[in-house]
Amino acid sequence: MRLQLLGPVELWSDAGTRIALGGPKQRALLALLALGSGEFVAESAVVACLWPDDPPASAARTVQSHVSRLRRALADAGVPADTLALLSHGRNYALRAAPGVIDVADVEDLANKARAAVSGGDSMGAAFMFGEAVRKWNGVPLQGIGDTEWVVVERRRLHELRQLLVEERVDADLACGRHADVLAELEELCRTNPMRERVWRQRMTALARSQRQADAVAAFDELCRYLAEELGIDPAPPTVELAKSIEAGRPLGAERRAAPMDTPT
């Protein structure tokens, strides 16, 4: 059983059959509860999320109807209650799922394990787990449930999470000595995410470790021009210090930790 949020909102059986979940509002309700980490969400909060501008007078009854239909869909598909269950307590609702069912929860678990591996010095294991976490994405998150405010906010959060996991995976790869393997990816990341200085530092580090110090300095100059033209600012101190180390020919040690982002997006 797999509930996918990191792409179109869909529920898949162990046999690979997609389970019908109803229309966009009904699937939005399921996604909202799935992102609640098993905690109860008040009916009033559900209404505010599903109808943010002008909820109809029947909104509460509609939520109750959606809950009933979702329960029926799970029952008709033979989903065990200990695998996935939609609970209610008064006018509060929660979705309880077994480990491995909700893809976002899987990502968070893998990320925590990968960070523990980094702390324990297992860079290779960390790189693998970060990579597995990133591969959970199947397109733009929360597709097919509309673009209400909470959906947009969650999409942005999940996009930022993916970006961070990619950067953490690259750090782990660099710690394993895979600087040559990540260079092409880092060039693309700098092109598509030019304000994320961590990515530029990773690219500069990979270039310098590949005996391409001049290219590393050129990448730093490119970043300086971009930030000056777009934001009127200079690179953050860690980036400047890295550039000085590269220009001085000092050996670069593996960066155990780095800020996810130093300049605004």
Protein backbone atom coordinates (compact mmCIF):
# COMPACT_ATOMS: atom_id res chain seq x y z
CA MET A 1 0.00 0.00 0.00
CA ARG A 2 1.42 3.38 -0.99
CA LEU A 3 -0.09 6.84 -0.63
CA GLN A 4 1.70 9.16 -3.03
CA LEU A 5 1.84 12.88 -2.33
CA LEU A 6 5.13 13.67 -4.10
CA GLY A 7 3.43 13.78 -7.48
CA PRO A 8 -0.24 13.23 -8.34
CA VAL A 9 -2.17 12.41 -5.15
CA GLU A 10 -2.83 8.70 -5.59
CA LEU A 11 -3.26 5.56 -3.49
CA TRP A 12 -1.81 2.31 -4.82
CA SER A 13 -2.42 -1.21 -3.59
CA ASP A 14 0.36 -3.72 -3.05
CA ALA A 15 -0.70 -5.33 -6.32
CA GLY A 16 -0.07 -2.09 -8.20
CA THR A 17 -3.73 -1.13 -8.61
CA ARG A 18 -4.71 2.50 -8.22
CA ILE A 19 -7.52 2.95 -5.71
CA ALA A 20 -10.22 5.47 -6.66
CA LEU A 21 -10.25 8.36 -4.19
CA GLY A 22 -12.94 10.59 -5.66
CA GLY A 23 -12.71 14.17 -6.87
CA PRO A 24 -10.11 16.87 -6.17
CA LYS A 25 -11.65 18.10 -2.89
CA GLN A 26 -11.88 14.57 -1.51
CA ARG A 27 -8.27 13.82 -2.46
CA ALA A 28 -7.23 17.20 -1.04
CA LEU A 29 -8.78 16.21 2.28
CA LEU A 30 -6.83 12.94 2.27
CA ALA A 31 -3.59 14.75 1.43
CA LEU A 32 -4.20 17.36 4.12
CA LEU A 33 -4.65 14.68 6.77
CA ALA A 34 -1.72 12.63 5.44
CA LEU A 35 0.55 15.62 5.92
CA GLY A 36 -0.67 15.99 9.50
CA SER A 37 1.66 13.26 10.83
CA GLY A 38 -1.25 11.36 12.34
CA GLU A 39 -2.47 14.30 14.42
CA PHE A 40 -6.13 15.28 14.54
CA VAL A 41 -7.18 18.27 12.44
CA ALA A 42 -10.23 20.27 13.44
CA GLU A 43 -13.12 20.29 10.99
CA SER A 44 -13.02 24.08 10.94
CA ALA A 45 -9.37 23.96 9.84
CA VAL A 46 -10.25 21.47 7.10
CA VAL A 47 -12.99 23.78 5.85
CA ALA A 48 -10.61 26.75 5.88
CA CYS A 49 -8.08 24.82 3.80
CA LEU A 50 -10.51 23.38 1.26
CA TRP A 51 -12.59 26.56 0.86
CA PRO A 52 -10.23 29.43 1.83
CA ASP A 53 -12.17 32.29 0.25
CA ASP A 54 -15.89 31.73 0.65
CA PRO A 55 -16.86 28.37 2.20
CA PRO A 56 -20.43 27.33 1.42
CA ALA A 57 -22.92 26.86 4.25
CA SER A 58 -22.78 23.12 3.58
CA ALA A 59 -18.96 22.92 3.90
CA ALA A 60 -18.93 21.02 7.21
CA ARG A 61 -21.47 18.48 5.94
CA THR A 62 -19.44 18.11 2.75
CA VAL A 63 -16.30 17.36 4.77
CA GLN A 64 -18.21 14.67 6.70
CA SER A 65 -19.42 13.24 3.40
CA HIS A 66 -15.88 13.18 2.00
CA VAL A 67 -14.66 11.38 5.12
CA SER A 68 -17.38 8.74 4.76
CA ARG A 69 -16.63 8.21 1.07
CA LEU A 70 -12.90 7.90 1.69
CA ARG A 71 -13.54 5.32 4.40
CA ARG A 72 -15.78 3.41 2.01
CA ALA A 73 -13.10 3.54 -0.69
CA LEU A 74 -10.49 2.13 1.70
CA ALA A 75 -12.88 -0.58 2.87
CA ASP A 76 -13.92 -1.53 -0.67
CA ALA A 77 -10.23 -1.86 -1.60
CA GLY A 78 -9.64 -4.12 1.39
CA VAL A 79 -7.15 -1.79 3.05
CA PRO A 80 -6.42 -3.08 6.58
CA ALA A 81 -7.13 -0.58 9.35
CA ASP A 82 -3.64 -1.08 10.75
CA THR A 83 -2.19 -0.05 7.38
CA LEU A 84 -4.23 3.07 6.68
CA ALA A 85 -7.18 4.39 8.67
CA LEU A 86 -9.18 7.61 8.63
CA LEU A 87 -10.09 8.40 12.25
CA SER A 88 -12.52 10.87 13.78
CA HIS A 89 -12.88 12.27 17.26
CA GLY A 90 -15.85 14.57 17.49
CA ARG A 91 -15.39 16.98 14.62
CA ASN A 92 -11.68 16.31 14.29
CA TYR A 93 -10.06 14.01 11.76
CA ALA A 94 -6.74 12.21 11.42
CA LEU A 95 -5.08 9.75 9.05
CA ARG A 96 -3.03 7.03 10.69
CA ALA A 97 -0.67 5.07 8.46
CA ALA A 98 1.77 2.23 9.01
CA PRO A 99 5.46 2.92 8.29
CA GLY A 100 6.26 2.82 4.60
CA VAL A 101 2.77 3.82 3.40
CA ILE A 102 3.01 7.63 2.94
CA ASP A 103 5.85 8.72 0.67
CA VAL A 104 6.49 12.02 2.49
CA ALA A 105 6.90 10.17 5.79
CA ASP A 106 9.31 7.78 4.05
CA VAL A 107 11.37 10.73 2.84
CA GLU A 108 11.56 12.25 6.30
CA ASP A 109 12.60 8.91 7.79
CA LEU A 110 15.30 8.36 5.16
CA ALA A 111 16.58 11.91 5.66
CA ASN A 112 16.87 11.42 9.42
CA LYS A 113 18.74 8.13 8.94
CA ALA A 114 21.03 9.71 6.36
CA ARG A 115 21.88 12.61 8.67
CA ALA A 116 22.64 10.14 11.45
CA ALA A 117 24.95 8.33 9.04
CA VAL A 118 26.74 11.60 8.27
CA SER A 119 27.21 12.22 11.99
CA GLY A 120 28.59 8.70 12.33
CA GLY A 121 31.07 9.15 9.50
CA ASP A 122 29.26 6.88 7.03
CA SER A 123 29.27 9.20 4.02
CA MET A 124 28.66 6.40 1.52
CA GLY A 125 25.57 5.17 3.36
CA ALA A 126 24.34 8.73 3.74
CA ALA A 127 24.73 9.42 0.02
CA PHE A 128 22.70 6.30 -0.80
CA MET A 129 19.89 7.17 1.62
CA PHE A 130 19.71 10.81 0.52
CA GLY A 131 19.53 9.57 -3.07
CA GLU A 132 16.74 7.14 -2.21
CA ALA A 133 14.81 9.97 -0.56
CA VAL A 134 15.10 12.21 -3.62
CA ARG A 135 13.90 9.39 -5.88
CA LYS A 136 10.57 9.35 -4.02
CA TRP A 137 9.49 12.43 -6.00
CA ASN A 138 7.29 11.62 -8.99
CA GLY A 139 6.81 15.11 -10.36
CA VAL A 140 5.32 18.23 -8.81
CA PRO A 141 3.91 17.36 -5.36
CA LEU A 142 0.17 17.39 -4.66
CA GLN A 143 -0.96 17.37 -8.25
CA GLY A 144 -4.65 17.10 -9.06
CA ILE A 145 -6.07 18.67 -5.90
CA GLY A 146 -6.22 22.34 -6.92
CA ASP A 147 -4.09 25.32 -6.01
CA THR A 148 -5.57 26.63 -2.78
CA GLU A 149 -3.23 28.45 -0.42
CA TRP A 150 -2.31 25.49 1.78
CA VAL A 151 -1.54 23.38 -1.30
CA VAL A 152 0.76 26.07 -2.69
CA VAL A 153 2.52 26.44 0.67
CA GLU A 154 3.01 22.67 1.00
CA ARG A 155 4.26 22.37 -2.57
CA ARG A 156 6.82 25.07 -1.87
CA ARG A 157 7.90 23.33 1.35
CA LEU A 158 8.25 19.97 -0.38
CA HIS A 159 10.17 21.55 -3.26
CA GLU A 160 12.55 23.14 -0.76
CA LEU A 161 12.91 19.79 1.02
CA ARG A 162 13.91 18.11 -2.23
CA GLN A 163 16.46 20.83 -2.97
CA LEU A 164 17.96 20.43 0.49
CA LEU A 165 18.16 16.64 0.18
CA VAL A 166 19.93 16.93 -3.17
CA GLU A 167 22.48 19.29 -1.61
CA GLU A 168 22.98 17.00 1.37
CA ARG A 169 23.49 14.06 -0.98
CA VAL A 170 26.09 16.02 -2.93
CA ASP A 171 27.92 16.84 0.32
CA ALA A 172 28.00 13.13 1.12
CA ASP A 173 29.24 12.34 -2.40
CA LEU A 174 32.01 14.90 -2.03
CA ALA A 175 32.98 13.38 1.30
CA CYS A 176 33.31 10.03 -0.52
CA GLY A 177 35.67 11.58 -3.10
CA ARG A 178 33.12 11.58 -5.93
CA HIS A 179 33.88 15.16 -6.98
CA ALA A 180 34.26 14.21 -10.66
CA ASP A 181 30.94 12.33 -10.64
CA VAL A 182 28.89 15.30 -9.43
CA LEU A 183 30.40 18.09 -11.52
CA ALA A 184 27.87 17.98 -14.37
CA GLU A 185 24.99 17.86 -11.91
CA LEU A 186 26.39 20.82 -9.96
CA GLU A 187 26.75 22.91 -13.10
CA GLU A 188 23.07 22.30 -13.84
CA LEU A 189 22.07 23.05 -10.25
CA CYS A 190 23.94 26.36 -10.34
CA ARG A 191 22.16 27.24 -13.56
CA THR A 192 18.68 26.38 -12.27
CA ASN A 193 19.18 27.53 -8.65
CA PRO A 194 21.64 30.41 -8.95
CA MET A 195 20.83 31.96 -5.55
CA ARG A 196 21.70 28.85 -3.53
CA GLU A 197 25.28 29.51 -2.48
CA ARG A 198 25.73 26.08 -0.99
CA VAL A 199 25.50 24.63 -4.50
CA TRP A 200 28.09 27.10 -5.76
CA ARG A 201 30.44 26.12 -2.92
CA GLN A 202 29.95 22.48 -3.79
CA ARG A 203 30.73 23.19 -7.43
CA MET A 204 33.82 25.20 -6.52
CA THR A 205 34.98 22.41 -4.22
CA ALA A 206 34.43 19.72 -6.84
CA LEU A 207 36.33 21.75 -9.45
CA ALA A 208 39.25 22.44 -7.11
CA ARG A 209 39.51 18.78 -6.12
CA SER A 210 39.52 17.91 -9.81
CA GLN A 211 42.64 20.09 -10.20
CA ARG A 212 40.61 22.79 -11.95
CA GLN A 213 41.36 25.68 -9.61
CA ALA A 214 41.04 28.29 -12.36
CA ASP A 215 37.54 27.04 -13.21
CA ALA A 216 36.62 27.09 -9.52
CA VAL A 217 37.70 30.74 -9.24
CA ALA A 218 35.80 31.51 -12.46
CA ALA A 219 32.66 29.95 -10.92
CA PHE A 220 33.08 32.20 -7.89
CA ASP A 221 33.43 35.25 -10.15
CA GLU A 222 30.27 34.20 -11.98
CA LEU A 223 28.40 33.98 -8.69
CA CYS A 224 29.68 37.42 -7.62
CA ARG A 225 28.42 38.97 -10.85
CA TYR A 226 25.04 37.30 -10.54
CA LEU A 227 24.46 38.38 -6.94
CA ALA A 228 25.62 41.93 -7.66
CA GLU A 229 23.37 42.30 -10.71
CA GLU A 230 20.27 40.56 -9.29
CA LEU A 231 20.38 41.45 -5.59
CA GLY A 232 23.09 44.06 -5.14
CA ILE A 233 24.89 41.91 -2.56
CA ASP A 234 28.15 40.02 -2.14
CA PRO A 235 28.52 36.29 -1.51
CA ALA A 236 28.27 35.04 2.06
CA PRO A 237 31.48 34.79 4.13
CA PRO A 238 31.79 30.96 3.81
CA THR A 239 31.78 31.29 0.02
CA VAL A 240 34.37 34.07 0.09
CA GLU A 241 36.60 32.06 2.44
CA LEU A 242 36.36 29.02 0.17
CA ALA A 243 37.36 31.12 -2.83
CA LYS A 244 40.38 32.47 -0.91
CA SER A 245 41.42 28.94 0.04
CA ILE A 246 41.19 27.80 -3.58
CA GLU A 247 43.15 30.81 -4.85
CA ALA A 248 45.83 30.16 -2.22
CA GLY A 249 46.04 26.51 -3.25
CA ARG A 250 45.15 25.24 0.21
CA PRO A 251 43.78 21.65 0.39
CA LEU A 252 40.04 21.45 0.88
CA GLY A 253 38.69 19.20 3.61
CA ALA A 254 35.24 17.64 3.40
CA GLU A 255 32.51 20.03 4.54
CA ARG A 256 30.55 18.16 7.21
CA ARG A 257 27.77 20.70 7.44
CA ALA A 258 26.64 23.76 5.54
CA ALA A 259 23.75 26.18 5.67
CA PRO A 260 20.97 25.07 3.32
CA MET A 261 20.83 28.49 1.73
CA ASP A 262 22.68 31.76 2.29
CA THR A 263 20.85 34.12 -0.01
CA PRO A 264 17.08 34.60 -0.49
CA THR A 265 15.17 32.86 -3.23
